[in-house]
Protein backbone atom coordinates (compact mmCIF):
# COMPACT_ATOMS: atom_id res chain seq x y z
CA MET A 1 177.12 158.04 2.14
CA HIS A 2 177.54 156.42 5.82
CA ILE A 3 180.62 157.29 7.27
CA GLY A 4 182.12 155.56 10.41
CA CYS A 5 184.92 157.39 12.31
CA VAL A 6 187.90 155.95 14.38
CA ILE A 7 188.61 158.50 17.18
CA ASP A 8 191.79 158.82 19.07
CA LYS A 9 189.81 159.05 22.63
CA LEU A 10 193.09 160.22 24.52
CA SER A 11 192.54 163.39 22.15
CA THR A 12 190.86 166.50 23.33
CA TYR A 13 191.11 167.68 19.84
CA ALA A 14 189.89 164.57 18.25
CA VAL A 15 186.91 164.21 20.43
CA GLN A 16 186.05 167.71 19.70
CA ALA A 17 186.26 167.32 15.99
CA PHE A 18 183.76 164.22 16.05
CA GLU A 19 181.30 166.33 18.10
CA GLN A 20 181.26 169.10 15.31
CA LEU A 21 181.30 166.61 12.45
CA SER A 22 179.07 163.95 13.60
CA PRO A 23 175.69 166.09 13.20
CA LEU A 24 176.57 167.72 10.00
CA TYR A 25 177.28 164.48 8.26
CA ASN A 26 175.76 161.78 10.50
CA ILE A 27 179.13 160.17 10.92
CA LEU A 28 179.11 157.21 13.46
CA ASP A 29 181.70 156.08 15.99
CA VAL A 30 182.69 152.80 14.66
CA GLU A 31 182.94 151.27 17.99
CA HIS A 32 179.22 151.09 18.26
CA CYS A 33 178.19 149.56 15.00
CA SER A 34 179.01 146.73 12.62
CA LYS A 35 182.29 147.37 10.26
CA GLN A 36 180.14 146.59 7.15
CA ASP A 37 177.76 149.47 7.55
CA PHE A 38 180.08 151.98 6.21
CA ASP A 39 181.22 153.59 2.74
CA VAL A 40 184.24 155.00 4.14
CA ILE A 41 186.02 155.53 7.50
CA LEU A 42 187.02 158.64 8.80
CA THR A 43 189.85 158.82 11.25
CA LEU A 44 190.50 161.83 13.74
CA GLY A 45 193.77 161.97 15.86
CA GLY A 46 197.18 161.34 14.09
CA ASP A 47 198.89 158.74 12.46
CA GLY A 48 198.35 156.38 15.35
CA ALA A 49 194.54 156.45 14.89
CA MET A 50 194.99 155.96 11.00
CA LEU A 51 196.87 152.73 11.66
CA LYS A 52 194.78 151.53 14.05
CA ALA A 53 191.90 151.91 11.47
CA LEU A 54 194.22 150.17 9.11
CA HIS A 55 194.55 147.48 11.21
CA SER A 56 190.85 146.89 12.25
CA PHE A 57 189.47 147.15 8.52
CA MET A 58 192.49 145.14 6.92
CA HIS A 59 190.02 142.79 5.45
CA ASN A 60 186.94 144.82 4.84
CA ASN A 61 187.67 146.54 1.52
CA ILE A 62 186.56 150.05 2.89
CA PRO A 63 188.30 153.28 1.72
CA ILE A 64 189.71 155.43 4.72
CA PHE A 65 190.07 159.23 4.87
CA GLY A 66 191.93 160.74 7.95
CA MET A 67 191.83 164.12 9.44
CA ASN A 68 194.70 165.22 11.44
CA ARG A 69 194.01 166.16 15.11
CA GLY A 70 197.54 164.92 16.17
CA SER A 71 200.71 166.00 15.41
CA ILE A 72 202.82 164.83 12.41
CA GLY A 73 199.85 163.38 10.03
CA PHE A 74 201.76 162.07 7.04
CA LEU A 75 199.46 159.84 6.44
CA LEU A 76 196.38 162.26 7.05
CA ASN A 77 194.78 165.37 5.26
CA SER A 78 194.17 168.51 6.93
CA TYR A 79 191.38 169.05 9.46
CA SER A 80 188.25 171.38 7.94
CA THR A 81 184.34 170.96 8.61
CA ASP A 82 183.61 172.25 5.43
CA ASP A 83 182.57 170.06 2.20
CA LEU A 84 183.98 166.49 4.06
CA ILE A 85 181.51 164.72 1.37
CA SER A 86 182.81 166.31 -1.66
CA ARG A 87 186.57 166.01 -0.19
CA ILE A 88 186.07 162.22 -0.12
CA GLN A 89 184.38 161.90 -3.37
CA LYS A 90 187.34 163.87 -5.17
CA ALA A 91 189.82 162.30 -3.17
CA SER A 92 192.84 160.24 -4.83
CA THR A 93 193.78 156.52 -3.48
CA ALA A 94 196.82 155.29 -2.60
CA VAL A 95 196.55 151.51 -2.53
CA LEU A 96 199.01 150.02 0.55
CA SER A 97 199.69 146.51 1.32
CA PRO A 98 201.07 145.12 4.64
CA LEU A 99 203.98 143.54 5.60
CA GLU A 100 203.45 139.88 7.22
CA MET A 101 205.86 139.00 10.17
CA LYS A 102 205.98 135.26 11.37
CA VAL A 103 207.64 134.98 14.26
CA ILE A 104 208.92 131.64 16.14
CA ASP A 105 210.25 132.64 19.79
CA LYS A 106 212.19 130.47 22.12
CA ASP A 107 209.93 128.19 23.27
CA GLY A 108 209.03 127.39 19.56
CA LYS A 109 205.40 128.95 19.53
CA THR A 110 204.65 130.45 16.13
CA HIS A 111 202.94 133.87 15.79
CA SER A 112 201.80 136.16 12.74
CA HIS A 113 201.15 139.70 12.62
CA LEU A 114 200.72 142.50 9.86
CA ALA A 115 202.44 145.80 9.54
CA ILE A 116 201.75 148.71 7.81
CA ASN A 117 204.77 150.84 8.34
CA GLU A 118 207.85 148.19 9.57
CA VAL A 119 208.66 145.39 11.03
CA SER A 120 211.37 145.72 13.91
CA LEU A 121 213.74 143.81 15.79
CA ILE A 122 214.68 145.29 18.97
CA ARG A 123 217.60 143.90 21.83
CA GLU A 124 215.69 143.23 24.83
CA THR A 125 218.61 144.07 27.66
CA HIS A 126 221.84 145.89 27.72
CA GLN A 127 223.39 143.48 25.32
CA ALA A 128 223.50 144.03 21.57
CA ALA A 129 221.24 141.79 19.47
CA LYS A 130 223.53 139.48 16.97
CA ILE A 131 220.98 138.63 13.87
CA LYS A 132 221.85 136.79 10.75
CA ILE A 133 220.25 138.19 7.62
CA ASN A 134 218.81 136.00 4.65
CA VAL A 135 217.11 137.29 1.63
CA ASN A 136 214.92 134.87 -0.34
CA GLY A 137 216.89 131.93 1.63
CA GLU A 138 220.36 133.00 0.56
CA LEU A 139 222.62 134.67 3.20
CA ARG A 140 223.53 138.02 2.86
CA LEU A 141 224.75 139.18 6.56
CA ASN A 142 226.49 136.42 8.30
CA HIS A 143 225.91 138.61 11.92
CA LEU A 144 224.73 142.10 12.64
CA VAL A 145 225.54 143.17 15.77
CA SER A 146 223.47 146.15 16.59
CA ASP A 147 220.23 147.40 18.60
CA GLY A 148 218.39 145.97 15.94
CA VAL A 149 216.96 145.92 12.51
CA LEU A 150 214.21 146.53 10.57
CA VAL A 151 212.12 146.28 7.31
CA ALA A 152 209.62 149.09 6.09
CA THR A 153 207.26 149.81 3.46
CA PRO A 154 207.63 152.67 1.32
CA ALA A 155 204.36 154.27 3.50
CA GLY A 156 206.56 153.29 6.64
CA SER A 157 210.04 154.72 5.30
CA THR A 158 209.43 157.97 6.70
CA ALA A 159 208.81 157.06 10.07
CA TYR A 160 211.16 154.81 12.38
CA ASN A 161 213.11 154.00 8.97
CA TYR A 162 213.62 157.53 8.30
CA ALA A 163 214.66 157.69 12.37
CA VAL A 164 217.29 155.41 12.12
CA GLY A 165 218.96 156.49 8.97
CA GLY A 166 216.67 154.34 6.51
CA PRO A 167 216.20 156.03 3.03
CA ILE A 168 212.39 157.58 2.09
CA ILE A 169 211.03 155.68 -0.44
CA PRO A 170 208.48 156.97 -3.16
CA ILE A 171 205.03 155.18 -2.10
CA ASN A 172 205.01 153.52 -5.69
CA ALA A 173 208.38 152.14 -5.87
CA ASN A 174 209.31 148.17 -6.16
CA VAL A 175 211.31 148.28 -3.02
CA MET A 176 211.33 148.23 0.76
CA ALA A 177 213.88 149.36 3.10
CA LEU A 178 215.95 146.84 5.06
CA SER A 179 217.92 149.10 7.65
CA PRO A 180 220.01 148.18 10.51
CA ILE A 181 219.25 150.11 13.99
CA SER A 182 222.51 151.68 15.61
CA PRO A 183 224.66 148.97 13.66
CA PHE A 184 228.09 147.83 15.53
CA ARG A 185 229.57 145.47 13.41
CA PRO A 186 229.83 145.70 10.38
CA ARG A 187 230.38 149.12 11.02
CA GLN A 188 229.95 150.39 7.42
CA TRP A 189 226.81 148.49 6.33
CA ARG A 190 223.80 150.92 6.32
CA GLY A 191 221.02 148.58 5.03
CA ALA A 192 219.56 148.06 1.60
CA LEU A 193 216.44 148.11 -0.53
CA ILE A 194 215.12 144.93 -1.56
CA LEU A 195 212.17 144.06 -3.76
CA ARG A 196 208.55 144.16 -2.45
CA SER A 197 208.55 140.63 -3.56
CA ASP A 198 211.68 139.16 -1.28
CA ALA A 199 211.11 137.34 1.45
CA VAL A 200 213.27 138.45 4.51
CA GLN A 201 214.50 135.99 7.02
CA LEU A 202 216.23 136.94 10.46
CA GLU A 203 218.03 134.59 12.59
CA VAL A 204 218.44 135.75 16.11
CA LEU A 205 221.73 134.44 17.13
CA GLU A 206 223.01 133.88 21.00
CA THR A 207 219.14 134.27 22.14
CA GLY A 208 220.23 133.47 25.64
CA LYS A 209 222.79 136.17 26.02
CA ARG A 210 221.31 138.38 23.33
CA PRO A 211 217.63 138.23 23.75
CA VAL A 212 215.53 140.27 21.15
CA SER A 213 211.86 141.21 20.62
CA ALA A 214 209.87 141.66 17.30
CA SER A 215 207.10 144.29 16.62
CA ALA A 216 204.77 144.56 13.46
CA ASP A 217 203.86 147.82 14.01
CA SER A 218 202.36 147.64 17.83
CA ALA A 219 202.03 144.15 17.88
CA GLU A 220 205.48 142.82 19.96
CA VAL A 221 206.28 138.99 20.50
CA ARG A 222 209.20 138.72 22.70
CA ASP A 223 211.90 136.54 22.99
CA ALA A 224 211.96 135.84 19.21
CA LYS A 225 214.43 133.10 17.38
CA PHE A 226 213.44 133.13 13.89
CA VAL A 227 211.47 136.16 11.97
CA GLU A 228 210.48 136.03 8.39
CA ILE A 229 209.15 139.16 6.57
CA LYS A 230 207.34 139.53 3.37
CA GLU A 231 204.63 141.73 1.45
CA ARG A 232 201.02 140.73 1.38
CA SER A 233 200.52 141.55 -1.95
CA ASP A 234 196.72 139.98 -1.95
CA ILE A 235 195.77 142.52 1.06
CA LYS A 236 194.51 145.97 -0.51
CA LEU A 237 194.34 148.88 1.61
CA SER A 238 192.77 152.24 0.17
CA VAL A 239 193.75 155.64 2.09
CA LEU A 240 192.16 158.78 0.49
CA PHE A 241 193.91 162.12 0.23
CA ASP A 242 192.93 165.51 -1.02
CA SER A 243 193.14 165.55 -4.76
CA ASP A 244 196.24 168.68 -4.41
CA ASP A 245 198.15 166.71 -1.87
CA LYS A 246 199.06 163.49 -2.43
CA LEU A 247 200.86 160.83 -0.87
CA GLU A 248 203.36 160.29 -3.48
CA THR A 249 204.06 164.27 -3.40
CA ARG A 250 204.08 163.71 0.28
CA ALA A 251 206.91 161.30 0.20
CA ILE A 252 209.05 163.37 -2.33
CA LYS A 253 208.89 166.66 -0.08
CA GLU A 254 209.81 164.70 3.09
CA GLN A 255 213.27 164.08 1.48
CA PHE A 256 213.80 168.04 1.63
CA ILE A 257 212.76 169.15 4.61
C-alpha cells in the first residue's frame, strides 16, 4: 500500500508523528511526490490538515485517513503507530460532496471556490450586512440584517454552523443548514434546513455602505455582490474512519455534548 501524508508542519506533534510513522510504513510527504502515486492519503494534524488534504485531492479519487495530532479532530481518527495498514483496510468510508460558491464581486468579476464545511458571508466593517435570500430562485427573505449568513454541509454542521446556533445534521441526511450569524432583523429567524439539491442565491444589499466578504472554507472573496451556493454532487470525497468510531455516530454524539 502506497501512503502519502499531508502534515501540519507548524505542529510539533504532527511532525513528530510523521517521523515515527514514515519508516514503519514507508510513508511519503505528498509535497515531494506526484498525487497519483498513492493508494491512500494520511493526514497528521487537526481538522485543518484534513480540510487541506480534501481540497488538495478533490479530483484525484484517493481515500483519506486522518489521525489527530491537533485539538478537536471531528474528521479524524485517534493517533497510534500500531496496525495502521489494518486500520485503513478495515475502515468505514464516509462519502462527502463539497459546496460550490460562485461569487460576483463589486467590479463584476466572477469567482468560484469549493467548500467542505461551509460557505459564509460576513460583514467587512462595523456596519451590519444586509442580505436578500432566495432558494431555487424563489424569494425567501427580503432582507436579513446580521453579521452574515452561512450554508453548511452535514459534515460542516458541527463546526462554524453549530457555533452560530445552527443545527447538527446527520451525515447521511439529505439536507443542509442555512444559518444566520448574529441576526438583528428579523429577530425571530433562526435559519432553515434546505435540501442538498437546492441552490441558494444571496444578494448583498447596500454594498457601498455594507460591504460583505464571501468565504468557501478558507478561500475568501472580498466585496461580494451576489453569491450562489449549491452542492457539487458529482464530486465524491472518501474519508476513512475506524470501524468502531464511524462519522455517522460522531454526529449523533455531538448533539449531546
